[in-house]
C-alpha atoms as a PDB file:
ATOM      1  CA  MET A   1      -0.347  -0.092   0.143  1.00  0.00           C
ATOM      2  CA  PRO A   2       1.537   3.613  -0.904  1.00  0.00           C
ATOM      3  CA  ASP A   3       1.682   6.253   1.579  1.00  0.00           C
ATOM      4  CA  MET A   4      -1.835   8.193   1.843  1.00  0.00           C
ATOM      5  CA  SER A   5      -1.180  10.031   4.908  1.00  0.00           C
ATOM      6  CA  HIS A   6      -1.282  13.246   3.235  1.00  0.00           C
ATOM      7  CA  LEU A   7      -4.550  12.837   2.072  1.00  0.00           C
ATOM      8  CA  LEU A   8      -7.121  13.919   4.752  1.00  0.00           C
ATOM      9  CA  SER A   9     -10.916  13.146   5.221  1.00  0.00           C
ATOM     10  CA  ARG A  10     -11.729  16.679   3.376  1.00  0.00           C
ATOM     11  CA  HIS A  11      -9.803  15.575   0.311  1.00  0.00           C
ATOM     12  CA  TYR A  12     -12.129  12.278  -0.094  1.00  0.00           C
ATOM     13  CA  GLU A  13     -15.207  14.380  -0.612  1.00  0.00           C
ATOM     14  CA  ASN A  14     -15.105  14.748  -3.925  1.00  0.00           C
ATOM     15  CA  VAL A  15     -12.373  12.158  -4.758  1.00  0.00           C
ATOM     16  CA  TYR A  16     -12.775   8.258  -4.775  1.00  0.00           C
ATOM     17  CA  GLU A  17     -11.315   6.586  -1.831  1.00  0.00           C
ATOM     18  CA  PRO A  18      -9.363   3.461  -1.980  1.00  0.00           C
ATOM     19  CA  ALA A  19     -11.546   0.676  -0.769  1.00  0.00           C
ATOM     20  CA  GLU A  20     -11.618  -3.439  -1.549  1.00  0.00           C
ATOM     21  CA  ASP A  21     -11.564  -2.969  -4.805  1.00  0.00           C
ATOM     22  CA  THR A  22      -8.429  -0.716  -5.130  1.00  0.00           C
ATOM     23  CA  TYR A  23      -6.832  -3.112  -2.419  1.00  0.00           C
ATOM     24  CA  LEU A  24      -7.616  -6.176  -4.407  1.00  0.00           C
ATOM     25  CA  PHE A  25      -6.015  -3.913  -7.149  1.00  0.00           C
ATOM     26  CA  LEU A  26      -2.865  -3.645  -5.227  1.00  0.00           C
ATOM     27  CA  ASP A  27      -2.208  -7.257  -4.501  1.00  0.00           C
ATOM     28  CA  ALA A  28      -2.667  -8.192  -7.839  1.00  0.00           C
ATOM     29  CA  LEU A  29      -0.024  -5.611  -9.357  1.00  0.00           C
ATOM     30  CA  LEU A  30       2.054  -7.176  -6.481  1.00  0.00           C
ATOM     31  CA  ASP A  31       1.344 -10.588  -8.043  1.00  0.00           C
ATOM     32  CA  GLU A  32       2.363  -9.550 -11.318  1.00  0.00           C
ATOM     33  CA  LYS A  33       5.800  -7.568 -10.560  1.00  0.00           C
ATOM     34  CA  PRO A  34       8.170 -10.125 -11.449  1.00  0.00           C
ATOM     35  CA  LEU A  35       6.587 -10.216 -15.156  1.00  0.00           C
ATOM     36  CA  LEU A  36       6.415  -6.462 -15.105  1.00  0.00           C
ATOM     37  CA  LEU A  37      10.111  -5.878 -14.153  1.00  0.00           C
ATOM     38  CA  SER A  38      11.056  -8.669 -17.121  1.00  0.00           C
ATOM     39  CA  LEU A  39       8.946  -6.636 -19.636  1.00  0.00           C
ATOM     40  CA  ASP A  40      10.464  -3.700 -18.460  1.00  0.00           C
ATOM     41  CA  PRO A  41       7.831  -1.122 -19.330  1.00  0.00           C
ATOM     42  CA  LYS A  42       8.530   2.272 -20.254  1.00  0.00           C
ATOM     43  CA  ILE A  43       5.082   4.129 -20.796  1.00  0.00           C
ATOM     44  CA  CYS A  44       2.744   3.463 -17.851  1.00  0.00           C
ATOM     45  CA  LEU A  45      -1.208   4.986 -17.681  1.00  0.00           C
ATOM     46  CA  GLU A  46      -3.925   4.799 -15.297  1.00  0.00           C
ATOM     47  CA  LEU A  47      -7.134   5.944 -16.670  1.00  0.00           C
ATOM     48  CA  GLY A  48      -9.477   7.531 -14.048  1.00  0.00           C
ATOM     49  CA  SER A  49      -6.776   7.527 -11.435  1.00  0.00           C
ATOM     50  CA  GLY A  50      -8.740   9.073  -8.289  1.00  0.00           C
ATOM     51  CA  SER A  51      -6.763   9.165  -5.298  1.00  0.00           C
ATOM     52  CA  GLY A  52      -3.448   8.167  -7.332  1.00  0.00           C
ATOM     53  CA  CYS A  53      -3.289   5.194  -4.885  1.00  0.00           C
ATOM     54  CA  LEU A  54      -2.636   2.602  -8.011  1.00  0.00           C
ATOM     55  CA  ILE A  55      -0.302   4.648 -10.601  1.00  0.00           C
ATOM     56  CA  SER A  56       1.842   5.559  -7.316  1.00  0.00           C
ATOM     57  CA  TYR A  57       2.418   1.957  -6.139  1.00  0.00           C
ATOM     58  CA  LEU A  58       2.980   0.755  -9.471  1.00  0.00           C
ATOM     59  CA  GLY A  59       5.947   3.243  -9.750  1.00  0.00           C
ATOM     60  CA  SER A  60       7.049   2.768  -6.254  1.00  0.00           C
ATOM     61  CA  MET A  61       7.261  -1.027  -7.497  1.00  0.00           C
ATOM     62  CA  LEU A  62       8.846  -0.437 -10.688  1.00  0.00           C
ATOM     63  CA  GLY A  63      11.524   2.451 -10.257  1.00  0.00           C
ATOM     64  CA  SER A  64      11.494   5.897 -11.515  1.00  0.00           C
ATOM     65  CA  ASP A  65      13.057   5.141 -15.017  1.00  0.00           C
ATOM     66  CA  ARG A  66       9.665   5.310 -16.594  1.00  0.00           C
ATOM     67  CA  LEU A  67       6.969   7.577 -17.718  1.00  0.00           C
ATOM     68  CA  TYR A  68       4.032   7.226 -15.133  1.00  0.00           C
ATOM     69  CA  MET A  69       1.053   9.161 -16.648  1.00  0.00           C
ATOM     70  CA  ALA A  70      -2.933   9.369 -15.345  1.00  0.00           C
ATOM     71  CA  VAL A  71      -6.111  11.045 -16.716  1.00  0.00           C
ATOM     72  CA  ASP A  72      -9.477  11.567 -14.557  1.00  0.00           C
ATOM     73  CA  ILE A  73     -11.945  13.556 -15.583  1.00  0.00           C
ATOM     74  CA  ASN A  74     -12.401  15.125 -11.827  1.00  0.00           C
ATOM     75  CA  LYS A  75      -9.818  17.953 -11.605  1.00  0.00           C
ATOM     76  CA  ASP A  76      -9.623  17.308  -7.475  1.00  0.00           C
ATOM     77  CA  ALA A  77      -8.684  13.808  -8.938  1.00  0.00           C
ATOM     78  CA  CYS A  78      -6.009  14.724 -10.589  1.00  0.00           C
ATOM     79  CA  GLU A  79      -4.885  17.386  -7.968  1.00  0.00           C
ATOM     80  CA  THR A  80      -4.998  14.584  -5.957  1.00  0.00           C
ATOM     81  CA  THR A  81      -2.815  11.838  -8.024  1.00  0.00           C
ATOM     82  CA  ILE A  82      -0.155  14.473  -8.564  1.00  0.00           C
ATOM     83  CA  ALA A  83       0.186  14.778  -4.842  1.00  0.00           C
ATOM     84  CA  THR A  84      -0.278  11.037  -4.171  1.00  0.00           C
ATOM     85  CA  GLY A  85       2.725  10.327  -6.737  1.00  0.00           C
ATOM     86  CA  LYS A  86       5.088  12.765  -5.097  1.00  0.00           C
ATOM     87  CA  GLN A  87       4.317  11.344  -1.372  1.00  0.00           C
ATOM     88  CA  ASN A  88       5.583   8.041  -2.357  1.00  0.00           C
ATOM     89  CA  GLY A  89       8.539   9.424  -4.856  1.00  0.00           C
ATOM     90  CA  VAL A  90       6.384   8.757  -7.973  1.00  0.00           C
ATOM     91  CA  ASP A  91       6.569  11.801 -10.803  1.00  0.00           C
ATOM     92  CA  VAL A  92       2.957  11.076 -11.947  1.00  0.00           C
ATOM     93  CA  ASP A  93       1.681  13.519 -15.065  1.00  0.00           C
ATOM     94  CA  CYS A  94      -2.096  13.423 -14.447  1.00  0.00           C
ATOM     95  CA  VAL A  95      -4.490  15.438 -17.217  1.00  0.00           C
ATOM     96  CA  CYS A  96      -7.804  16.503 -16.550  1.00  0.00           C
ATOM     97  CA  SER A  97      -9.643  14.790 -19.582  1.00  0.00           C
ATOM     98  CA  ASP A  98     -12.208  11.876 -20.559  1.00  0.00           C
ATOM     99  CA  LEU A  99     -10.410   8.638 -21.516  1.00  0.00           C
ATOM    100  CA  PHE A 100      -7.493   9.252 -23.583  1.00  0.00           C
ATOM    101  CA  ASN A 101      -7.887  12.722 -24.734  1.00  0.00           C
ATOM    102  CA  GLY A 102      -4.547  14.456 -24.528  1.00  0.00           C
ATOM    103  CA  PHE A 103      -2.661  11.169 -24.671  1.00  0.00           C
ATOM    104  CA  VAL A 104      -2.481  11.207 -28.710  1.00  0.00           C
ATOM    105  CA  PRO A 105       1.058  11.590 -29.176  1.00  0.00           C
ATOM    106  CA  TYR A 106       1.495   7.988 -27.079  1.00  0.00           C
ATOM    107  CA  ARG A 107      -0.819   6.135 -29.537  1.00  0.00           C
ATOM    108  CA  GLY A 108       0.976   2.814 -29.400  1.00  0.00           C
ATOM    109  CA  LEU A 109       3.337   2.911 -26.868  1.00  0.00           C
ATOM    110  CA  VAL A 110       1.422   2.220 -23.376  1.00  0.00           C
ATOM    111  CA  ASP A 111       3.307  -0.968 -21.785  1.00  0.00           C
ATOM    112  CA  VAL A 112       0.846  -0.773 -19.003  1.00  0.00           C
ATOM    113  CA  MET A 113      -2.372   0.191 -18.535  1.00  0.00           C
ATOM    114  CA  LEU A 114      -4.421   0.476 -15.283  1.00  0.00           C
ATOM    115  CA  PHE A 115      -8.061   0.802 -15.148  1.00  0.00           C
ATOM    116  CA  ASN A 116     -10.859   0.891 -11.975  1.00  0.00           C
ATOM    117  CA  PRO A 117     -13.729   1.460 -14.204  1.00  0.00           C
ATOM    118  CA  PRO A 118     -17.251   2.877 -12.547  1.00  0.00           C
ATOM    119  CA  TYR A 119     -18.807  -0.270 -12.589  1.00  0.00           C
ATOM    120  CA  VAL A 120     -21.878   0.146 -10.281  1.00  0.00           C
ATOM    121  CA  PRO A 121     -24.644  -0.451 -12.522  1.00  0.00           C
ATOM    122  CA  THR A 122     -26.946   2.967 -12.587  1.00  0.00           C
ATOM    123  CA  ASP A 123     -29.838   4.491 -14.489  1.00  0.00           C
ATOM    124  CA  GLU A 124     -28.215   6.080 -17.681  1.00  0.00           C
ATOM    125  CA  ASP A 125     -29.281   9.748 -16.031  1.00  0.00           C
ATOM    126  CA  GLU A 126     -26.624   9.427 -13.395  1.00  0.00           C
ATOM    127  CA  LEU A 127     -23.811   9.476 -16.190  1.00  0.00           C
ATOM    128  CA  GLY A 128     -21.957  12.606 -17.702  1.00  0.00           C
ATOM    129  CA  ARG A 129     -20.875  13.835 -14.350  1.00  0.00           C
ATOM    130  CA  THR A 130     -17.805  15.134 -13.227  1.00  0.00           C
ATOM    131  CA  ASP A 131     -17.505  15.274  -9.672  1.00  0.00           C
ATOM    132  CA  ILE A 132     -17.166  11.783  -7.500  1.00  0.00           C
ATOM    133  CA  TYR A 133     -20.253  10.282  -8.906  1.00  0.00           C
ATOM    134  CA  ALA A 134     -18.209   9.886 -12.289  1.00  0.00           C
ATOM    135  CA  ALA A 135     -16.078   7.552 -10.077  1.00  0.00           C
ATOM    136  CA  TRP A 136     -18.707   4.668  -9.702  1.00  0.00           C
ATOM    137  CA  ALA A 137     -21.955   5.560 -11.897  1.00  0.00           C
ATOM    138  CA  GLY A 138     -21.399   2.910 -14.565  1.00  0.00           C
ATOM    139  CA  GLY A 139     -24.584   2.856 -16.904  1.00  0.00           C
ATOM    140  CA  ILE A 140     -26.664   0.165 -17.547  1.00  0.00           C
ATOM    141  CA  ASP A 141     -24.547  -2.910 -16.780  1.00  0.00           C
ATOM    142  CA  GLY A 142     -21.786  -1.295 -15.346  1.00  0.00           C
ATOM    143  CA  VAL A 143     -20.003  -0.742 -18.573  1.00  0.00           C
ATOM    144  CA  HIS A 144     -20.771   2.448 -20.178  1.00  0.00           C
ATOM    145  CA  THR A 145     -17.474   3.785 -19.898  1.00  0.00           C
ATOM    146  CA  LEU A 146     -15.880   0.465 -20.442  1.00  0.00           C
ATOM    147  CA  ASN A 147     -17.425  -0.133 -23.830  1.00  0.00           C
ATOM    148  CA  LEU A 148     -16.272   3.395 -24.661  1.00  0.00           C
ATOM    149  CA  LEU A 149     -12.699   2.399 -24.213  1.00  0.00           C
ATOM    150  CA  ILE A 150     -12.563  -1.250 -25.646  1.00  0.00           C
ATOM    151  CA  PRO A 151     -12.513   0.040 -29.196  1.00  0.00           C
ATOM    152  CA  LYS A 152      -9.460   2.568 -28.689  1.00  0.00           C
ATOM    153  CA  LEU A 153      -7.460  -0.041 -26.458  1.00  0.00           C
ATOM    154  CA  LYS A 154      -5.405  -1.266 -29.658  1.00  0.00           C
ATOM    155  CA  GLU A 155      -4.643   1.934 -30.566  1.00  0.00           C
ATOM    156  CA  TYR A 156      -3.045   2.978 -27.390  1.00  0.00           C
ATOM    157  CA  LEU A 157      -1.495  -0.143 -26.535  1.00  0.00           C
ATOM    158  CA  SER A 158       2.088  -0.916 -27.240  1.00  0.00           C
ATOM    159  CA  GLU A 159       2.898  -4.219 -29.442  1.00  0.00           C
ATOM    160  CA  THR A 160       3.115  -6.004 -26.095  1.00  0.00           C
ATOM    161  CA  GLY A 161       0.886  -3.640 -24.026  1.00  0.00           C
ATOM    162  CA  LEU A 162      -1.158  -4.962 -20.940  1.00  0.00           C
ATOM    163  CA  LEU A 163      -4.592  -3.972 -19.832  1.00  0.00           C
ATOM    164  CA  TYR A 164      -5.493  -4.360 -16.139  1.00  0.00           C
ATOM    165  CA  LEU A 165      -9.211  -4.291 -15.116  1.00  0.00           C
ATOM    166  CA  VAL A 166     -11.208  -4.154 -12.591  1.00  0.00           C
ATOM    167  CA  ALA A 167     -14.764  -5.671 -13.068  1.00  0.00           C
ATOM    168  CA  ILE A 168     -18.091  -7.308 -10.850  1.00  0.00           C
ATOM    169  CA  ARG A 169     -20.372 -10.162 -12.063  1.00  0.00           C
ATOM    170  CA  GLU A 170     -23.020  -7.405 -12.323  1.00  0.00           C
ATOM    171  CA  ASN A 171     -20.480  -6.329 -15.537  1.00  0.00           C
ATOM    172  CA  LYS A 172     -20.993  -9.735 -17.008  1.00  0.00           C
ATOM    173  CA  PRO A 173     -17.346 -10.582 -17.418  1.00  0.00           C
ATOM    174  CA  ASP A 174     -17.999 -13.082 -20.342  1.00  0.00           C
ATOM    175  CA  GLN A 175     -19.490 -10.304 -22.208  1.00  0.00           C
ATOM    176  CA  ILE A 176     -16.306  -8.384 -21.469  1.00  0.00           C
ATOM    177  CA  ILE A 177     -14.245 -11.076 -22.741  1.00  0.00           C
ATOM    178  CA  LEU A 178     -16.115 -11.079 -26.057  1.00  0.00           C
ATOM    179  CA  ARG A 179     -16.379  -7.499 -27.029  1.00  0.00           C
ATOM    180  CA  MET A 180     -12.240  -7.682 -25.982  1.00  0.00           C
ATOM    181  CA  LYS A 181     -12.124  -9.758 -28.355  1.00  0.00           C
ATOM    182  CA  GLU A 182     -14.088  -8.422 -31.379  1.00  0.00           C
ATOM    183  CA  HIS A 183     -11.153  -5.494 -31.140  1.00  0.00           C
ATOM    184  CA  ASP A 184      -8.122  -7.524 -30.654  1.00  0.00           C
ATOM    185  CA  MET A 185      -7.444  -7.855 -27.087  1.00  0.00           C
ATOM    186  CA  GLU A 186      -7.019 -11.275 -25.742  1.00  0.00           C
ATOM    187  CA  TYR A 187      -7.780 -12.174 -22.154  1.00  0.00           C
ATOM    188  CA  LEU A 188      -4.974 -13.815 -20.155  1.00  0.00           C
ATOM    189  CA  GLY A 189      -6.968 -14.506 -17.059  1.00  0.00           C
ATOM    190  CA  THR A 190      -8.425 -13.155 -14.078  1.00  0.00           C
ATOM    191  CA  ILE A 191      -4.924 -12.562 -11.708  1.00  0.00           C
ATOM    192  CA  ARG A 192      -7.268 -11.849  -8.286  1.00  0.00           C
ATOM    193  CA  GLU A 193     -11.057 -12.229  -7.303  1.00  0.00           C
ATOM    194  CA  LYS A 194     -13.011 -11.569  -4.043  1.00  0.00           C
ATOM    195  CA  ARG A 195     -16.105 -11.197  -2.549  1.00  0.00           C
ATOM    196  CA  ALA A 196     -16.509  -7.914  -0.591  1.00  0.00           C
ATOM    197  CA  MET A 197     -19.827  -7.406   0.734  1.00  0.00           C
ATOM    198  CA  ASN A 198     -22.512  -7.494  -1.712  1.00  0.00           C
ATOM    199  CA  GLU A 199     -19.890  -7.323  -4.685  1.00  0.00           C
ATOM    200  CA  TYR A 200     -17.942 -10.189  -6.397  1.00  0.00           C
ATOM    201  CA  LEU A 201     -14.896  -8.315  -7.575  1.00  0.00           C
ATOM    202  CA  MET A 202     -12.419  -9.655 -10.119  1.00  0.00           C
ATOM    203  CA  ILE A 203      -8.921  -8.071 -11.491  1.00  0.00           C
ATOM    204  CA  MET A 204      -8.975  -9.070 -15.616  1.00  0.00           C
ATOM    205  CA  LYS A 205      -5.381  -9.031 -17.419  1.00  0.00           C
ATOM    206  CA  PHE A 206      -5.735  -8.531 -21.618  1.00  0.00           C
ATOM    207  CA  ILE A 207      -3.231  -8.075 -24.085  1.00  0.00           C
ATOM    208  CA  LYS A 208      -3.113  -6.478 -27.715  1.00  0.00           C
ATOM    209  CA  SER A 209      -3.340  -9.568 -30.024  1.00  0.00           C
ATOM    210  CA  ASN A 210      -1.166  -9.718 -33.026  1.00  0.00           C
END
C-alpha cells in the first residue's frame, strides 16, 4: 500500500477513496511484479486515477526510470493523484480529461494500462458527471465507460501492452471478454478475485493480440 498519509477526510469529499477494489488491485499488481519487471515497461498509464493510489504503487514498485501518466475527468482527482505520486517519490503526469484525450502522442506506446472503471450499474441519467459520481456510476450493467474504451485500446497499447481491469459479476465478464476479442484484445486470465460485501470483484488481464 502506498503512503496515503498526506490525504485527509476532506480530500475524499470529491475523490474516490481507496476501498476493497483498490486493495485487490494492489494485490494483483504485486502478483504481477516479476512479469512487469521482466517486460521493462517504459510508459504506464492509469485511467480514472482517483486518489492516485494505484499508479503511485506501480511507480514505487517498478522504479522511477519510466513515464507514469494518469487521466481523470475530476479536477480534484488529478490534483490528488499528483500529490500522492509526490508523497511516494513517483512523478505522475495527470491530465484532467475524458479517457484518452490528451494522450494522442502516446498512441501505440503504452506498455501497462490500469483501469478501475465506474462499474456500478446505474440509470443512464447518472452518467456524464465530472464529480465523485463519475468514479462509480457505470450505466446499464455498469459498463458504459468501459464500452467507450474498448474500441480504442489497440490504438494506444504497445505491441506487448497489458491492460489490468477491475470488474464485478454484474458487468457480465464473459461479455467483456467477447467484446475485447472483437477489438483484438486477448484475455489472459483473472489475476485476483474476492467477494467484498455485496460485490464479487475481479482483476482481469488483457493483452493486445497481434
